Amino acid sequence: MREKDIVVVTGAGGMGVAIARRIGSGRTVLLADAFPAPLERATGALLAEGYAAEGVTVDIADASAVTKLAADAASRGRIAAVVHTAGVSAATSTVDRIMSVDLAGTAHVIDAFLPVASPGTALVCIASMAGHAARLSADDERALATAPTGDLLSLPVVASAGDDPIAAYLIAKRGNQVRVQAAAPAWNRRGARINTVSPGVIATAMSQAEAASASGDHMMAMLDACGIGRTGTPGEIAAAVAFLTGPDAHYITGTDLLVDGGQGAWLRWHPSATSSPSPPPRPPSA
């Protein structure tokens, strides 16, 4: 039997599972998550639907665990795609956890999978429209993009979030976007590609937790104010990822695809012309 290509998906939530379904047919799917129970449920669902899926317990905040995941994937065959969806939200996490998982964890994935990437491998990191709302200095963005991974959590821009999870989330997600941009040349030299997708409000368990938080009313009001009037679906993010990991995107690398129903455009150009809430708070700039 011909060896199957490998697809690695981090995060066993609604977005990760939708992506595994969309791009995993005929491939071996390694689904990684820090929590065994949801990982087992998601893997079981994929197996029942005919996917060649295997669950692996991995905390992406642990660099050695991510390196082990990359080596395991590479030992099984050619890695066709890596899609990094694992993350935490501002509504349910501390500043330290947001920075360890969303910022450093993404850097761990980029670092670990570069050495095992081969011609045609595509990495997509799920960032957030929040990254586009961050207002950081050029020096802070350069530090987030290029500092050694081991130094990321000690950067002044990381400390500037203080004890504000929203500020931490904006900084972390902007860090994802710029770090992927800076990594693109190294991936190019291996014949591989790397991009981010920045979702808006997507109907997942994480967004439900945010909707129930103190900022939930504001978040839902933005959807009406920008004209889209609904949340996005995991399937719509999966479609964007399928494009970026597929043959029609061979010349696309080092960039971000914003999939937010127009919320970012509304925040930039139109909020003062409506009766809708003002834009969410910005993280401090150094």
Protein backbone atom coordinates (compact mmCIF):
# COMPACT_ATOMS: atom_id res chain seq x y z
CA MET A 1 0.00 0.00 0.00
CA ARG A 2 1.28 3.47 -0.85
CA GLU A 3 2.46 5.47 2.13
CA LYS A 4 -0.02 8.18 3.06
CA ASP A 5 0.88 11.83 3.39
CA ILE A 6 0.74 13.18 6.94
CA VAL A 7 -1.46 16.02 8.17
CA VAL A 8 -0.81 17.39 11.65
CA VAL A 9 -3.52 19.43 13.35
CA THR A 10 -2.97 20.94 16.78
CA GLY A 11 -6.15 21.60 18.73
CA ALA A 12 -9.05 19.17 19.00
CA GLY A 13 -11.74 21.85 19.20
CA GLY A 14 -14.36 22.67 16.61
CA MET A 15 -11.97 24.47 14.31
CA GLY A 16 -9.29 21.77 14.45
CA VAL A 17 -11.73 18.95 13.80
CA ALA A 18 -13.36 20.83 10.90
CA ILE A 19 -9.92 21.32 9.35
CA ALA A 20 -8.98 17.67 9.86
CA ARG A 21 -12.17 16.66 8.07
CA ARG A 22 -11.59 19.09 5.22
CA ILE A 23 -7.98 18.20 4.40
CA GLY A 24 -7.51 14.77 6.00
CA SER A 25 -9.17 12.44 3.49
CA GLY A 26 -6.75 9.82 2.19
CA ARG A 27 -4.05 11.01 4.58
CA THR A 28 -2.86 10.09 8.05
CA VAL A 29 -4.13 12.71 10.49
CA LEU A 30 -2.22 13.34 13.71
CA LEU A 31 -4.49 15.34 15.99
CA ALA A 32 -2.72 16.91 18.96
CA ASP A 33 -4.22 18.51 22.05
CA ALA A 34 -3.21 19.17 25.65
CA PHE A 35 -6.39 17.62 27.09
CA PRO A 36 -6.91 13.85 26.71
CA ALA A 37 -10.73 13.79 26.99
CA PRO A 38 -11.62 16.11 24.10
CA LEU A 39 -8.76 14.65 22.09
CA GLU A 40 -10.16 11.14 22.51
CA ARG A 41 -13.66 12.28 21.53
CA ALA A 42 -12.45 14.12 18.44
CA THR A 43 -10.18 11.29 17.30
CA GLY A 44 -12.95 8.77 17.83
CA ALA A 45 -15.34 10.84 15.73
CA LEU A 46 -12.83 11.06 12.89
CA LEU A 47 -12.12 7.32 13.02
CA ALA A 48 -15.86 6.57 12.91
CA GLU A 49 -16.10 8.69 9.75
CA GLY A 50 -13.35 6.73 8.01
CA TYR A 51 -10.35 8.98 8.59
CA ALA A 52 -6.97 7.49 9.44
CA ALA A 53 -6.66 9.53 12.61
CA GLU A 54 -4.54 9.25 15.72
CA GLY A 55 -4.61 11.44 18.81
CA VAL A 56 -1.44 12.64 20.52
CA THR A 57 -1.43 14.48 23.85
CA VAL A 58 0.79 17.55 23.46
CA ASP A 59 0.96 20.86 25.34
CA ILE A 60 2.32 23.30 22.79
CA ALA A 61 3.69 25.46 25.59
CA ASP A 62 6.25 22.66 26.06
CA ALA A 63 8.89 23.05 23.34
CA SER A 64 10.26 19.53 23.80
CA ALA A 65 6.79 18.02 23.40
CA VAL A 66 6.25 19.90 20.14
CA THR A 67 9.66 18.80 18.84
CA LYS A 68 8.72 15.20 19.65
CA LEU A 69 5.42 15.63 17.79
CA ALA A 70 7.26 16.90 14.69
CA ALA A 71 9.71 14.00 14.78
CA ASP A 72 6.86 11.51 15.18
CA ALA A 73 5.03 13.01 12.20
CA ALA A 74 8.15 12.96 10.03
CA SER A 75 8.84 9.31 10.89
CA ARG A 76 5.49 8.31 9.40
CA GLY A 77 5.91 9.81 5.93
CA ARG A 78 5.89 13.10 4.04
CA ILE A 79 4.32 15.94 6.00
CA ALA A 80 1.87 17.56 3.60
CA ALA A 81 0.35 20.07 6.00
CA VAL A 82 0.59 21.31 9.55
CA VAL A 83 -2.31 23.37 10.86
CA HIS A 84 -1.84 24.94 14.25
CA THR A 85 -5.19 25.80 15.85
CA ALA A 86 -4.41 25.14 19.53
CA GLY A 87 -4.73 28.20 21.72
CA VAL A 88 -6.46 29.84 24.67
CA SER A 89 -8.72 32.88 24.91
CA ALA A 90 -8.63 36.13 26.81
CA ALA A 91 -11.98 35.32 28.41
CA THR A 92 -10.86 32.13 30.13
CA SER A 93 -7.09 32.35 30.62
CA THR A 94 -4.44 34.24 32.53
CA VAL A 95 -1.88 36.54 30.93
CA ASP A 96 0.89 34.01 31.61
CA ARG A 97 -1.02 31.17 29.96
CA ILE A 98 -1.95 33.31 26.94
CA MET A 99 1.68 34.22 26.39
CA SER A 100 2.95 30.68 26.99
CA VAL A 101 0.42 29.02 24.69
CA ASP A 102 -0.66 31.56 22.09
CA LEU A 103 2.67 33.35 21.65
CA ALA A 104 5.48 30.96 22.62
CA GLY A 105 3.49 27.87 21.63
CA THR A 106 3.11 29.11 18.08
CA ALA A 107 6.84 29.81 17.91
CA HIS A 108 7.49 26.25 19.11
CA VAL A 109 5.40 24.88 16.24
CA ILE A 110 7.22 27.02 13.67
CA ASP A 111 10.61 25.98 15.06
CA ALA A 112 9.86 22.28 15.42
CA PHE A 113 8.35 21.68 12.00
CA LEU A 114 10.85 23.67 9.93
CA PRO A 115 13.57 20.96 10.04
CA VAL A 116 11.10 18.25 8.95
CA ALA A 117 9.41 20.33 6.23
CA SER A 118 9.99 19.19 2.66
CA PRO A 119 9.01 20.53 -0.76
CA GLY A 120 5.27 21.09 -0.73
CA THR A 121 4.80 21.16 3.05
CA ALA A 122 2.44 23.94 4.16
CA LEU A 123 2.12 25.27 7.69
CA VAL A 124 -0.89 27.40 8.62
CA CYS A 125 -1.04 29.01 12.05
CA ILE A 126 -4.41 30.21 13.26
CA ALA A 127 -3.95 33.75 14.58
CA SER A 128 -6.89 36.13 15.09
CA MET A 129 -8.42 39.34 13.83
CA ALA A 130 -7.28 40.62 17.24
CA GLY A 131 -3.77 40.75 15.85
CA HIS A 132 -4.91 43.41 13.40
CA ALA A 133 -6.27 45.49 16.29
CA ALA A 134 -2.94 45.58 18.12
CA ARG A 135 -1.12 48.90 18.03
CA LEU A 136 2.54 48.13 18.61
CA SER A 137 5.71 50.02 17.80
CA ALA A 138 7.92 48.89 14.92
CA ASP A 139 10.59 47.86 17.44
CA ASP A 140 8.11 45.74 19.39
CA GLU A 141 6.87 44.04 16.23
CA ARG A 142 10.44 43.30 15.14
CA ALA A 143 11.18 41.77 18.53
CA LEU A 144 8.07 39.57 18.37
CA ALA A 145 8.98 38.53 14.82
CA THR A 146 12.67 37.78 15.22
CA ALA A 147 13.67 37.27 18.86
CA PRO A 148 14.91 33.76 19.71
CA THR A 149 11.95 31.71 20.90
CA GLY A 150 13.50 31.26 24.32
CA ASP A 151 13.56 35.04 24.78
CA LEU A 152 9.99 35.77 23.72
CA LEU A 153 8.38 35.70 27.15
CA SER A 154 10.92 38.13 28.58
CA LEU A 155 10.42 40.83 25.93
CA PRO A 156 9.34 44.28 27.18
CA VAL A 157 6.29 44.20 24.89
CA VAL A 158 5.15 41.00 26.59
CA ALA A 159 5.57 42.57 30.02
CA SER A 160 3.61 45.63 28.83
CA ALA A 161 0.39 43.59 28.91
CA GLY A 162 0.52 43.75 32.69
CA ASP A 163 -2.35 41.75 34.14
CA ASP A 164 -4.75 42.47 31.24
CA PRO A 165 -5.68 39.27 29.35
CA ILE A 166 -7.16 41.25 26.43
CA ALA A 167 -3.92 43.17 25.94
CA ALA A 168 -1.97 39.90 26.21
CA TYR A 169 -4.19 38.25 23.59
CA LEU A 170 -3.79 41.13 21.12
CA ILE A 171 -0.01 41.12 21.57
CA ALA A 172 0.21 37.34 21.23
CA LYS A 173 -1.87 37.21 18.07
CA ARG A 174 0.01 40.07 16.44
CA GLY A 175 3.12 38.17 17.39
CA ASN A 176 1.82 35.12 15.52
CA GLN A 177 1.26 37.16 12.37
CA VAL A 178 4.64 38.87 12.31
CA ARG A 179 6.58 35.79 13.37
CA VAL A 180 5.13 33.83 10.46
CA GLN A 181 6.09 36.65 8.11
CA ALA A 182 9.67 36.59 9.40
CA ALA A 183 9.85 32.79 9.12
CA ALA A 184 8.79 32.65 5.47
CA PRO A 185 12.27 32.87 3.88
CA ALA A 186 13.52 29.86 5.86
CA TRP A 187 10.46 27.86 4.82
CA ASN A 188 10.93 28.97 1.21
CA ARG A 189 14.44 27.57 1.23
CA ARG A 190 13.02 24.15 2.05
CA GLY A 191 10.43 24.41 -0.73
CA ALA A 192 7.73 24.82 1.91
CA ARG A 193 5.26 27.55 2.82
CA ILE A 194 3.98 29.22 6.00
CA ASN A 195 0.98 31.52 6.49
CA THR A 196 -1.53 32.63 9.09
CA VAL A 197 -5.32 32.69 9.02
CA SER A 198 -6.92 35.29 11.28
CA PRO A 199 -10.50 34.37 12.13
CA GLY A 200 -13.09 36.75 13.46
CA VAL A 201 -15.83 35.45 15.75
CA ILE A 202 -16.29 31.78 14.87
CA ALA A 203 -18.94 29.51 16.38
CA THR A 204 -16.74 27.34 18.59
CA ALA A 205 -16.70 26.49 22.29
CA MET A 206 -14.04 29.18 22.78
CA SER A 207 -16.20 31.89 21.21
CA GLN A 208 -19.17 30.75 23.31
CA ALA A 209 -17.05 31.29 26.42
CA GLU A 210 -16.13 34.75 25.16
CA ALA A 211 -19.76 35.56 24.39
CA ALA A 212 -20.62 34.74 28.00
CA SER A 213 -17.81 36.96 29.33
CA ALA A 214 -17.90 40.65 30.22
CA SER A 215 -16.97 41.58 26.64
CA GLY A 216 -19.52 39.25 25.07
CA ASP A 217 -22.21 41.84 24.39
CA HIS A 218 -19.68 44.08 22.68
CA MET A 219 -18.38 41.20 20.57
CA MET A 220 -21.84 40.23 19.34
CA ALA A 221 -22.82 43.87 18.71
CA MET A 222 -19.82 44.22 16.39
CA LEU A 223 -21.20 41.44 14.19
CA ASP A 224 -24.41 43.38 13.68
CA ALA A 225 -22.66 46.73 13.29
CA CYS A 226 -20.32 45.54 10.56
CA GLY A 227 -23.28 44.17 8.57
CA ILE A 228 -22.45 40.46 8.58
CA GLY A 229 -24.99 39.74 11.32
CA ARG A 230 -23.69 36.29 12.25
CA THR A 231 -20.71 34.38 13.54
CA GLY A 232 -18.50 32.49 11.16
CA THR A 233 -18.43 28.70 11.07
CA PRO A 234 -15.52 26.31 11.59
CA GLY A 235 -16.17 25.08 8.05
CA GLU A 236 -15.43 28.53 6.66
CA ILE A 237 -12.05 28.55 8.41
CA ALA A 238 -11.42 25.02 7.16
CA ALA A 239 -12.08 26.22 3.60
CA ALA A 240 -9.51 29.00 3.98
CA VAL A 241 -6.98 26.54 5.36
CA ALA A 242 -7.68 24.08 2.54
CA PHE A 243 -6.88 26.82 0.05
CA LEU A 244 -3.63 27.83 1.77
CA THR A 245 -2.44 24.23 2.11
CA GLY A 246 -3.56 23.23 -1.39
CA PRO A 247 -2.15 23.47 -4.90
CA ASP A 248 -3.80 26.81 -5.72
CA ALA A 249 -1.68 28.60 -3.09
CA HIS A 250 1.82 27.53 -4.10
CA TYR A 251 2.90 31.17 -4.53
CA ILE A 252 1.41 32.38 -1.24
CA THR A 253 3.68 32.44 1.80
CA GLY A 254 4.51 34.76 4.66
CA THR A 255 1.12 36.43 4.71
CA ASP A 256 -2.13 36.53 6.66
CA LEU A 257 -5.63 35.71 5.44
CA LEU A 258 -8.23 37.66 7.44
CA VAL A 259 -11.53 35.74 7.66
CA ASP A 260 -13.68 37.94 9.87
CA GLY A 261 -16.89 38.85 8.07
CA GLY A 262 -15.70 42.43 7.66
CA GLN A 263 -15.31 43.21 11.36
CA GLY A 264 -11.78 44.54 10.93
CA ALA A 265 -12.83 46.81 8.08
CA TRP A 266 -15.70 48.18 10.17
CA LEU A 267 -13.42 48.80 13.16
CA ARG A 268 -10.99 50.76 11.00
CA TRP A 269 -13.34 52.84 8.88
CA HIS A 270 -16.89 52.99 10.21
CA PRO A 271 -17.45 52.69 13.98
CA SER A 272 -17.76 56.46 14.48
CA ALA A 273 -20.59 56.54 11.93
CA THR A 274 -22.73 54.04 13.86
CA SER A 275 -24.31 53.81 17.27
CA SER A 276 -22.43 50.60 17.93
CA PRO A 277 -19.93 50.15 20.75
CA SER A 278 -16.48 51.66 20.42
CA PRO A 279 -13.62 49.40 19.37
CA PRO A 280 -12.15 47.01 21.96
CA PRO A 281 -9.24 48.17 24.08
CA ARG A 282 -5.79 48.28 22.51
CA PRO A 283 -2.68 46.86 24.15
CA PRO A 284 -0.12 49.43 25.27
CA SER A 285 2.73 50.30 22.94
CA ALA A 286 6.29 50.48 24.20
